[in-house]
Amino acid sequence: MSRHAQQLRDHDINPCVEETDASRKCMDDNNYKKDMCTAYFLKYKNCRKFWHDIMMQRKRNGVKPEMPSAEERRKILESMGKPY
């Protein structure tokens, strides 16, 4: 597996691994008919937007690292409920 592919599978780097996997599984299950997987794509898009906004807010506030760790993200989601 390439280094880039490993990073995409790393929960500390990619906050939307579950949504990515669900989208890919839907595409596989539905013979790559995109219109059958719209809900999964929307969840992935909302996940990316949510964590991008968190990252930008942390960057503005000078918080390092800008992307919360997987454990921090789990706590954020527990406190908010899953917003996407």
Protein backbone atom coordinates (compact mmCIF):
# COMPACT_ATOMS: atom_id res chain seq x y z
CA MET A 1 0.00 0.00 0.00
CA SER A 2 1.40 3.42 -0.93
CA ARG A 3 2.17 5.96 1.76
CA HIS A 4 -0.70 8.16 0.58
CA ALA A 5 -3.13 5.24 0.74
CA GLN A 6 -1.92 4.44 4.26
CA GLN A 7 -2.53 8.04 5.33
CA LEU A 8 -6.08 7.91 3.97
CA ARG A 9 -6.72 4.83 6.13
CA ASP A 10 -5.20 6.45 9.25
CA HIS A 11 -7.98 7.55 11.61
CA ASP A 12 -5.73 10.28 13.07
CA ILE A 13 -5.29 11.85 9.62
CA ASN A 14 -8.61 11.14 7.91
CA PRO A 15 -11.65 11.82 10.09
CA CYS A 16 -14.03 10.38 7.48
CA VAL A 17 -12.67 6.85 7.01
CA GLU A 18 -16.05 5.29 7.90
CA GLU A 19 -17.90 7.47 5.40
CA THR A 20 -15.31 6.73 2.71
CA ASP A 21 -15.66 2.99 3.28
CA ALA A 22 -19.47 3.19 3.22
CA SER A 23 -19.41 5.10 -0.08
CA ARG A 24 -17.04 2.60 -1.67
CA LYS A 25 -19.06 -0.35 -0.42
CA CYS A 26 -22.24 1.18 -1.83
CA MET A 27 -20.57 1.67 -5.20
CA ASP A 28 -19.33 -1.94 -5.18
CA ASP A 29 -22.73 -3.29 -4.13
CA ASN A 30 -24.60 -1.27 -6.76
CA ASN A 31 -22.34 -1.94 -9.75
CA TYR A 32 -20.96 1.62 -9.66
CA LYS A 33 -24.31 3.33 -10.24
CA LYS A 34 -23.64 6.66 -8.55
CA ASP A 35 -27.31 7.61 -8.28
CA MET A 36 -27.82 4.64 -5.92
CA CYS A 37 -25.24 6.02 -3.46
CA THR A 38 -26.19 9.69 -3.24
CA ALA A 39 -26.95 9.50 0.50
CA TYR A 40 -23.50 8.02 1.20
CA PHE A 41 -21.78 10.70 -0.89
CA LEU A 42 -23.69 13.41 0.97
CA LYS A 43 -22.66 11.97 4.36
CA TYR A 44 -19.04 11.92 3.21
CA LYS A 45 -19.25 15.49 1.92
CA ASN A 46 -20.85 16.69 5.17
CA CYS A 47 -18.22 14.86 7.22
CA ARG A 48 -15.38 16.50 5.28
CA LYS A 49 -16.99 19.94 5.58
CA PHE A 50 -17.62 19.53 9.32
CA TRP A 51 -14.02 18.54 10.10
CA HIS A 52 -12.59 21.13 7.71
CA ASP A 53 -14.54 23.82 9.56
CA ILE A 54 -13.25 22.49 12.92
CA MET A 55 -9.71 22.47 11.56
CA MET A 56 -9.97 26.06 10.28
CA GLN A 57 -11.40 27.25 13.62
CA ARG A 58 -8.54 25.58 15.50
CA LYS A 59 -6.05 27.14 13.09
CA ARG A 60 -7.55 30.60 13.68
CA ASN A 61 -7.36 30.01 17.44
CA GLY A 62 -3.74 28.84 17.25
CA VAL A 63 -4.56 25.32 18.46
CA LYS A 64 -2.07 22.62 17.46
CA PRO A 65 -2.51 20.17 15.91
CA GLU A 66 -5.10 21.75 13.67
CA MET A 67 -6.89 18.43 13.07
CA PRO A 68 -7.99 16.86 16.36
CA SER A 69 -6.73 13.35 17.01
CA ALA A 70 -9.08 10.41 16.55
CA GLU A 71 -9.69 10.31 20.31
CA GLU A 72 -10.45 14.05 20.46
CA ARG A 73 -12.82 13.72 17.50
CA ARG A 74 -14.63 10.85 19.20
CA LYS A 75 -15.17 13.05 22.28
CA ILE A 76 -16.36 15.97 20.14
CA LEU A 77 -18.87 13.74 18.36
CA GLU A 78 -20.10 12.26 21.66
CA SER A 79 -20.71 15.72 23.08
CA MET A 80 -22.54 16.95 19.97
CA GLY A 81 -24.15 13.84 18.62
CA LYS A 82 -23.10 13.03 15.07
CA PRO A 83 -23.78 16.31 13.22
CA TYR A 84 -23.48 14.84 9.73
